[in-house]
Amino acid sequence: MHDNKTWMIGNDLKVNRYGYGAMRITGKGIWGQPQNEAEAIQVLKKAIESGVNFIDTADSYGPYVSEKLIAKALYPYPPDLVIATKGGFERTGPDKWVINARPEHLKEALEGSLKRLKLDRIDTYQLHRIDPKVPFDETIGFLKQAHGKGQIKYIGLSEVD
């Protein structure tokens, strides 16, 4: 259920219609530190001040840079802030993305995201891409296990066609 200004994730996470995608607060090619870290932190703070309560990020943005900047700028988080992050890519350089949805990689990605974001649980954890080299049952099986352990509240898929 939603109105023109909000959207529900599950039955309990109410997010404002406008969120913030944090991919571009990293360096060129979604790689490394931003050219101006203070400006990136200010952008995140301004988003929250402007009423954003949903931030979308991924461990692969930087890699790791976006998640670290979010924690640096906003932790301790406002009580209504929902942070969605993603796993399933490895980064080998600027503008280079390698799909890896193997359970071992996702476990490492999830645990790293929890640590970098200073969270006990990710509200929405998305599989960045379906990996054609890994049976989907293995990938989703890991995510369901992490959900069962309380590390993930909701599982999502990113860019599925």
C-alpha atoms as a PDB file:
ATOM      1  CA  MET A   1       0.000   0.000   0.000  1.00  0.00           C
ATOM      2  CA  HIS A   2       1.246   3.474  -0.834  1.00  0.00           C
ATOM      3  CA  ASP A   3       0.107   6.990  -1.504  1.00  0.00           C
ATOM      4  CA  ASN A   4       1.667   9.579  -3.777  1.00  0.00           C
ATOM      5  CA  LYS A   5       4.373  10.441  -1.251  1.00  0.00           C
ATOM      6  CA  THR A   6       5.352   7.140   0.363  1.00  0.00           C
ATOM      7  CA  TRP A   7       5.935   3.497  -0.480  1.00  0.00           C
ATOM      8  CA  MET A   8       5.840   0.435   1.758  1.00  0.00           C
ATOM      9  CA  ILE A   9       8.547  -2.202   1.707  1.00  0.00           C
ATOM     10  CA  GLY A  10       6.958  -5.267   3.205  1.00  0.00           C
ATOM     11  CA  ASN A  11       4.378  -4.223   5.748  1.00  0.00           C
ATOM     12  CA  ASP A  12       6.586  -2.162   7.998  1.00  0.00           C
ATOM     13  CA  LEU A  13       9.190  -0.056   6.180  1.00  0.00           C
ATOM     14  CA  LYS A  14       7.578   3.170   5.031  1.00  0.00           C
ATOM     15  CA  VAL A  15       9.847   5.112   2.710  1.00  0.00           C
ATOM     16  CA  ASN A  16       9.361   8.450   1.037  1.00  0.00           C
ATOM     17  CA  ARG A  17       8.807   8.414  -2.705  1.00  0.00           C
ATOM     18  CA  TYR A  18      12.179  10.067  -3.307  1.00  0.00           C
ATOM     19  CA  GLY A  19      15.227   8.125  -2.241  1.00  0.00           C
ATOM     20  CA  TYR A  20      18.931   8.580  -2.808  1.00  0.00           C
ATOM     21  CA  GLY A  21      21.045   6.298  -4.997  1.00  0.00           C
ATOM     22  CA  ALA A  22      24.574   6.493  -3.580  1.00  0.00           C
ATOM     23  CA  MET A  23      26.523   5.022  -6.520  1.00  0.00           C
ATOM     24  CA  ARG A  24      27.889   8.369  -7.699  1.00  0.00           C
ATOM     25  CA  ILE A  25      29.402   9.547  -4.405  1.00  0.00           C
ATOM     26  CA  THR A  26      32.499   7.521  -5.265  1.00  0.00           C
ATOM     27  CA  GLY A  27      35.361   8.309  -7.638  1.00  0.00           C
ATOM     28  CA  LYS A  28      35.376   8.270 -11.421  1.00  0.00           C
ATOM     29  CA  GLY A  29      34.197   4.960 -12.855  1.00  0.00           C
ATOM     30  CA  ILE A  30      32.462   4.190  -9.532  1.00  0.00           C
ATOM     31  CA  TRP A  31      35.981   3.471  -8.283  1.00  0.00           C
ATOM     32  CA  GLY A  32      37.886   4.796  -5.291  1.00  0.00           C
ATOM     33  CA  GLN A  33      37.325   7.845  -3.171  1.00  0.00           C
ATOM     34  CA  PRO A  34      35.305  10.806  -4.436  1.00  0.00           C
ATOM     35  CA  GLN A  35      37.249  13.782  -5.659  1.00  0.00           C
ATOM     36  CA  ASN A  36      35.855  15.772  -2.714  1.00  0.00           C
ATOM     37  CA  GLU A  37      34.906  13.609   0.293  1.00  0.00           C
ATOM     38  CA  ALA A  38      33.567  16.549   2.315  1.00  0.00           C
ATOM     39  CA  GLU A  39      31.188  17.386  -0.529  1.00  0.00           C
ATOM     40  CA  ALA A  40      30.004  13.761  -0.773  1.00  0.00           C
ATOM     41  CA  ILE A  41      29.286  13.725   2.970  1.00  0.00           C
ATOM     42  CA  GLN A  42      27.414  17.013   2.664  1.00  0.00           C
ATOM     43  CA  VAL A  43      25.290  15.575  -0.174  1.00  0.00           C
ATOM     44  CA  LEU A  44      24.283  12.626   2.030  1.00  0.00           C
ATOM     45  CA  LYS A  45      23.404  14.910   4.941  1.00  0.00           C
ATOM     46  CA  LYS A  46      21.436  17.236   2.674  1.00  0.00           C
ATOM     47  CA  ALA A  47      19.470  14.281   1.279  1.00  0.00           C
ATOM     48  CA  ILE A  48      18.324  13.366   4.803  1.00  0.00           C
ATOM     49  CA  GLU A  49      17.572  17.020   5.642  1.00  0.00           C
ATOM     50  CA  SER A  50      15.460  17.173   2.462  1.00  0.00           C
ATOM     51  CA  GLY A  51      13.242  14.310   3.619  1.00  0.00           C
ATOM     52  CA  VAL A  52      14.944  11.310   2.023  1.00  0.00           C
ATOM     53  CA  ASN A  53      14.634   8.244   4.256  1.00  0.00           C
ATOM     54  CA  PHE A  54      15.739   5.574   1.753  1.00  0.00           C
ATOM     55  CA  ILE A  55      19.320   5.197   0.554  1.00  0.00           C
ATOM     56  CA  ASP A  56      20.326   2.625  -2.043  1.00  0.00           C
ATOM     57  CA  THR A  57      23.973   1.550  -2.189  1.00  0.00           C
ATOM     58  CA  ALA A  58      26.145  -1.531  -2.830  1.00  0.00           C
ATOM     59  CA  ASP A  59      29.388  -3.029  -1.606  1.00  0.00           C
ATOM     60  CA  SER A  60      30.718  -2.707  -5.168  1.00  0.00           C
ATOM     61  CA  TYR A  61      30.357   1.091  -5.260  1.00  0.00           C
ATOM     62  CA  GLY A  62      33.953   2.154  -4.773  1.00  0.00           C
ATOM     63  CA  PRO A  63      34.241  -0.765  -3.928  1.00  0.00           C
ATOM     64  CA  TYR A  64      33.181  -0.245  -0.306  1.00  0.00           C
ATOM     65  CA  VAL A  65      33.519   3.547  -0.514  1.00  0.00           C
ATOM     66  CA  SER A  66      29.815   4.412  -0.734  1.00  0.00           C
ATOM     67  CA  GLU A  67      28.900   2.326   2.320  1.00  0.00           C
ATOM     68  CA  LYS A  68      31.745   3.799   4.375  1.00  0.00           C
ATOM     69  CA  LEU A  69      30.756   7.353   3.426  1.00  0.00           C
ATOM     70  CA  ILE A  70      27.123   6.696   4.363  1.00  0.00           C
ATOM     71  CA  ALA A  71      28.173   5.545   7.840  1.00  0.00           C
ATOM     72  CA  LYS A  72      30.647   8.405   8.218  1.00  0.00           C
ATOM     73  CA  ALA A  73      28.039  10.998   7.251  1.00  0.00           C
ATOM     74  CA  LEU A  74      24.906   9.646   8.893  1.00  0.00           C
ATOM     75  CA  TYR A  75      25.716   7.244  11.759  1.00  0.00           C
ATOM     76  CA  PRO A  76      23.996   7.118  14.188  1.00  0.00           C
ATOM     77  CA  TYR A  77      21.183   6.850  11.692  1.00  0.00           C
ATOM     78  CA  PRO A  78      17.798   8.561  11.957  1.00  0.00           C
ATOM     79  CA  PRO A  79      15.257   6.007  13.242  1.00  0.00           C
ATOM     80  CA  ASP A  80      13.231   5.982  10.016  1.00  0.00           C
ATOM     81  CA  LEU A  81      16.198   5.661   7.624  1.00  0.00           C
ATOM     82  CA  VAL A  82      16.122   2.555   5.443  1.00  0.00           C
ATOM     83  CA  ILE A  83      19.436   1.562   3.876  1.00  0.00           C
ATOM     84  CA  ALA A  84      19.272  -0.912   1.033  1.00  0.00           C
ATOM     85  CA  THR A  85      22.531  -2.394  -0.172  1.00  0.00           C
ATOM     86  CA  LYS A  86      23.465  -4.961  -2.769  1.00  0.00           C
ATOM     87  CA  GLY A  87      25.928  -7.789  -3.284  1.00  0.00           C
ATOM     88  CA  GLY A  88      26.869  -9.932  -6.249  1.00  0.00           C
ATOM     89  CA  PHE A  89      29.547  -8.010  -8.105  1.00  0.00           C
ATOM     90  CA  GLU A  90      33.307  -8.058  -7.855  1.00  0.00           C
ATOM     91  CA  ARG A  91      35.236  -5.003  -8.980  1.00  0.00           C
ATOM     92  CA  THR A  92      38.524  -5.283 -10.854  1.00  0.00           C
ATOM     93  CA  GLY A  93      38.894  -1.622 -11.807  1.00  0.00           C
ATOM     94  CA  PRO A  94      37.062   1.569 -12.809  1.00  0.00           C
ATOM     95  CA  ASP A  95      33.881   0.805 -14.755  1.00  0.00           C
ATOM     96  CA  LYS A  96      34.590  -2.955 -14.503  1.00  0.00           C
ATOM     97  CA  TRP A  97      31.930  -5.209 -13.014  1.00  0.00           C
ATOM     98  CA  VAL A  98      32.169  -8.992 -12.715  1.00  0.00           C
ATOM     99  CA  ILE A  99      29.066 -10.900 -11.621  1.00  0.00           C
ATOM    100  CA  ASN A 100      29.685 -13.217  -8.673  1.00  0.00           C
ATOM    101  CA  ALA A 101      26.614 -14.516  -6.864  1.00  0.00           C
ATOM    102  CA  ARG A 102      28.339 -17.521  -5.330  1.00  0.00           C
ATOM    103  CA  PRO A 103      27.245 -18.013  -1.720  1.00  0.00           C
ATOM    104  CA  GLU A 104      30.846 -17.616  -0.463  1.00  0.00           C
ATOM    105  CA  HIS A 105      31.164 -14.229  -2.160  1.00  0.00           C
ATOM    106  CA  LEU A 106      27.741 -13.067  -0.984  1.00  0.00           C
ATOM    107  CA  LYS A 107      28.579 -14.085   2.585  1.00  0.00           C
ATOM    108  CA  GLU A 108      31.754 -11.989   2.477  1.00  0.00           C
ATOM    109  CA  ALA A 109      29.895  -9.100   0.813  1.00  0.00           C
ATOM    110  CA  LEU A 110      27.039  -9.145   3.330  1.00  0.00           C
ATOM    111  CA  GLU A 111      29.294  -9.365   6.367  1.00  0.00           C
ATOM    112  CA  GLY A 112      31.409  -6.516   4.987  1.00  0.00           C
ATOM    113  CA  SER A 113      28.342  -4.371   4.334  1.00  0.00           C
ATOM    114  CA  LEU A 114      27.051  -4.921   7.863  1.00  0.00           C
ATOM    115  CA  LYS A 115      30.416  -3.871   9.279  1.00  0.00           C
ATOM    116  CA  ARG A 116      30.931  -0.853   7.008  1.00  0.00           C
ATOM    117  CA  LEU A 117      27.375   0.421   7.523  1.00  0.00           C
ATOM    118  CA  LYS A 118      27.580  -0.263  11.295  1.00  0.00           C
ATOM    119  CA  LEU A 119      24.371  -2.289  11.210  1.00  0.00           C
ATOM    120  CA  ASP A 120      23.248  -5.552  12.789  1.00  0.00           C
ATOM    121  CA  ARG A 121      20.754  -6.107   9.977  1.00  0.00           C
ATOM    122  CA  ILE A 122      20.311  -4.828   6.430  1.00  0.00           C
ATOM    123  CA  ASP A 123      16.693  -3.745   5.910  1.00  0.00           C
ATOM    124  CA  THR A 124      16.738  -4.586   2.189  1.00  0.00           C
ATOM    125  CA  TYR A 125      19.581  -6.633   0.718  1.00  0.00           C
ATOM    126  CA  GLN A 126      19.470  -6.987  -3.039  1.00  0.00           C
ATOM    127  CA  LEU A 127      21.157  -9.455  -5.323  1.00  0.00           C
ATOM    128  CA  HIS A 128      22.887  -7.119  -7.772  1.00  0.00           C
ATOM    129  CA  ARG A 129      22.618  -9.548 -10.707  1.00  0.00           C
ATOM    130  CA  ILE A 130      21.591 -13.145 -11.275  1.00  0.00           C
ATOM    131  CA  ASP A 131      24.785 -15.081 -11.975  1.00  0.00           C
ATOM    132  CA  PRO A 132      24.396 -17.434 -14.950  1.00  0.00           C
ATOM    133  CA  LYS A 133      27.325 -19.512 -13.618  1.00  0.00           C
ATOM    134  CA  VAL A 134      25.660 -20.228 -10.263  1.00  0.00           C
ATOM    135  CA  PRO A 135      22.401 -22.148  -9.790  1.00  0.00           C
ATOM    136  CA  PHE A 136      19.846 -19.634  -8.545  1.00  0.00           C
ATOM    137  CA  ASP A 137      18.816 -22.051  -5.787  1.00  0.00           C
ATOM    138  CA  GLU A 138      22.336 -21.776  -4.314  1.00  0.00           C
ATOM    139  CA  THR A 139      22.298 -17.997  -4.436  1.00  0.00           C
ATOM    140  CA  ILE A 140      18.807 -17.578  -3.017  1.00  0.00           C
ATOM    141  CA  GLY A 141      19.510 -20.346  -0.508  1.00  0.00           C
ATOM    142  CA  PHE A 142      22.320 -18.296   1.011  1.00  0.00           C
ATOM    143  CA  LEU A 143      20.168 -15.163   1.110  1.00  0.00           C
ATOM    144  CA  LYS A 144      17.347 -17.082   2.808  1.00  0.00           C
ATOM    145  CA  GLN A 145      19.845 -18.398   5.384  1.00  0.00           C
ATOM    146  CA  ALA A 146      21.076 -14.862   6.096  1.00  0.00           C
ATOM    147  CA  HIS A 147      17.447 -13.763   6.424  1.00  0.00           C
ATOM    148  CA  GLY A 148      16.821 -16.593   8.873  1.00  0.00           C
ATOM    149  CA  LYS A 149      19.831 -15.477  10.948  1.00  0.00           C
ATOM    150  CA  GLY A 150      18.417 -11.941  11.096  1.00  0.00           C
ATOM    151  CA  GLN A 151      21.180 -10.392   8.970  1.00  0.00           C
ATOM    152  CA  ILE A 152      18.686  -9.403   6.254  1.00  0.00           C
ATOM    153  CA  LYS A 153      15.113  -8.227   6.764  1.00  0.00           C
ATOM    154  CA  TYR A 154      13.992  -8.245   3.115  1.00  0.00           C
ATOM    155  CA  ILE A 155      15.618  -9.838   0.064  1.00  0.00           C
ATOM    156  CA  GLY A 156      15.419  -8.032  -3.243  1.00  0.00           C
ATOM    157  CA  LEU A 157      16.633  -8.378  -6.815  1.00  0.00           C
ATOM    158  CA  SER A 158      18.280  -5.581  -8.774  1.00  0.00           C
ATOM    159  CA  GLU A 159      17.889  -5.145 -12.533  1.00  0.00           C
ATOM    160  CA  VAL A 160      16.051  -8.330 -13.349  1.00  0.00           C
ATOM    161  CA  ASP A 161      14.497  -8.634 -16.784  1.00  0.00           C
END
